[in-house]
Amino acid sequence: MIVERALVNLRRELLVLGVVTEDRDVFWARSGDPMLSLAPGPVVWTGPEWFRWIGEELRWRCHTVHDPAGAARQIHRACNPPEGLVGGNLTAPL
């Protein structure tokens, strides 16, 4: 899948979950792949096959770009970890 299309699909699925992203949240890695910053939370690296980010337990997480809805749900959980875990609430108000 073209990485730009994968990122567009992910941003659309995050919006369904209430996580608002803007064009200024997207930047480009040296590799040429787009990245999505959910600052002050995870940065999502988008490659040709995988979305990658550091999850709520501070471990790398990966999810296929062919399932942006599933990736969005996992990233949403990383943005809103249960009490007592590292992280913060990044869900933007609607």
Protein backbone atom coordinates (compact mmCIF):
# COMPACT_ATOMS: atom_id res chain seq x y z
CA MET A 1 0.00 0.00 0.00
CA ILE A 2 1.21 3.52 -0.71
CA VAL A 3 2.26 4.97 2.65
CA GLU A 4 0.52 8.30 2.12
CA ARG A 5 -2.79 6.51 1.49
CA ALA A 6 -2.26 4.33 4.57
CA LEU A 7 -1.77 7.43 6.72
CA VAL A 8 -4.88 9.11 5.29
CA ASN A 9 -6.88 5.98 6.11
CA LEU A 10 -5.47 5.87 9.65
CA ARG A 11 -6.28 9.55 10.26
CA ARG A 12 -9.86 8.96 9.08
CA GLU A 13 -10.26 6.00 11.47
CA LEU A 14 -8.77 7.98 14.37
CA LEU A 15 -11.30 10.74 13.70
CA VAL A 16 -14.12 8.19 13.99
CA LEU A 17 -12.77 7.46 17.49
CA GLY A 18 -12.63 11.18 18.36
CA VAL A 19 -8.88 11.69 17.87
CA VAL A 20 -8.57 14.81 15.75
CA THR A 21 -5.41 15.20 13.67
CA GLU A 22 -4.37 18.05 11.41
CA ASP A 23 -2.05 18.32 8.45
CA ARG A 24 0.55 19.99 10.69
CA ASP A 25 0.68 16.75 12.74
CA VAL A 26 2.22 14.93 9.76
CA PHE A 27 5.93 15.13 9.08
CA TRP A 28 8.42 13.10 7.06
CA ALA A 29 11.15 10.79 8.32
CA ARG A 30 14.56 10.76 6.66
CA SER A 31 13.48 7.53 4.98
CA GLY A 32 10.77 9.48 3.18
CA ASP A 33 7.95 7.77 5.09
CA PRO A 34 5.25 9.93 6.71
CA MET A 35 4.91 10.09 10.49
CA LEU A 36 1.93 11.23 12.55
CA SER A 37 2.58 13.04 15.81
CA LEU A 38 -0.13 12.71 18.43
CA ALA A 39 1.87 14.96 20.75
CA PRO A 40 2.25 14.76 23.67
CA GLY A 41 1.62 11.07 23.03
CA PRO A 42 2.74 8.50 20.50
CA VAL A 43 4.34 9.19 17.16
CA VAL A 44 3.09 6.78 14.51
CA TRP A 45 5.59 5.71 11.86
CA THR A 46 3.97 4.63 8.60
CA GLY A 47 5.79 2.20 6.34
CA PRO A 48 4.68 0.28 3.27
CA GLU A 49 3.36 -2.63 5.38
CA TRP A 50 3.15 -1.51 9.04
CA PHE A 51 2.12 1.30 11.36
CA ARG A 52 4.58 1.40 14.30
CA TRP A 53 4.40 3.30 17.61
CA ILE A 54 5.43 2.96 21.23
CA GLY A 55 2.46 1.76 23.26
CA GLU A 56 1.25 2.44 26.76
CA GLU A 57 3.72 -0.02 28.33
CA LEU A 58 6.56 1.77 26.50
CA ARG A 59 6.93 -1.16 24.11
CA TRP A 60 6.92 -1.07 20.33
CA ARG A 61 3.57 -1.87 18.75
CA CYS A 62 2.94 -2.72 15.09
CA HIS A 63 -0.22 -3.14 13.07
CA THR A 64 -0.71 -3.80 9.38
CA VAL A 65 -1.52 -0.80 7.16
CA HIS A 66 -4.22 -2.95 5.54
CA ASP A 67 -6.36 -2.63 8.71
CA PRO A 68 -6.40 1.07 9.61
CA ALA A 69 -9.47 0.68 11.84
CA GLY A 70 -7.69 -1.94 13.98
CA ALA A 71 -4.57 0.22 14.18
CA ALA A 72 -6.66 3.24 15.14
CA ARG A 73 -8.28 1.32 18.01
CA GLN A 74 -4.88 0.26 19.35
CA ILE A 75 -3.44 3.76 19.00
CA HIS A 76 -6.53 5.20 20.68
CA ARG A 77 -5.88 2.89 23.65
CA ALA A 78 -2.27 4.14 23.74
CA CYS A 79 -3.64 7.69 23.87
CA ASN A 80 -6.04 6.79 26.69
CA PRO A 81 -4.33 4.22 28.91
CA PRO A 82 -6.05 2.85 32.00
CA GLU A 83 -5.28 4.59 35.27
CA GLY A 84 -1.82 3.86 36.60
CA LEU A 85 -0.14 3.34 33.21
CA VAL A 86 2.28 5.76 31.60
CA GLY A 87 0.66 8.15 29.12
CA GLY A 88 -1.99 10.79 28.93
CA ASN A 89 -5.31 11.56 27.38
CA LEU A 90 -4.85 12.78 23.81
CA THR A 91 -8.44 12.57 22.68
CA ALA A 92 -9.26 16.02 21.37
CA PRO A 93 -12.63 17.53 22.31
CA LEU A 94 -15.15 17.59 19.48
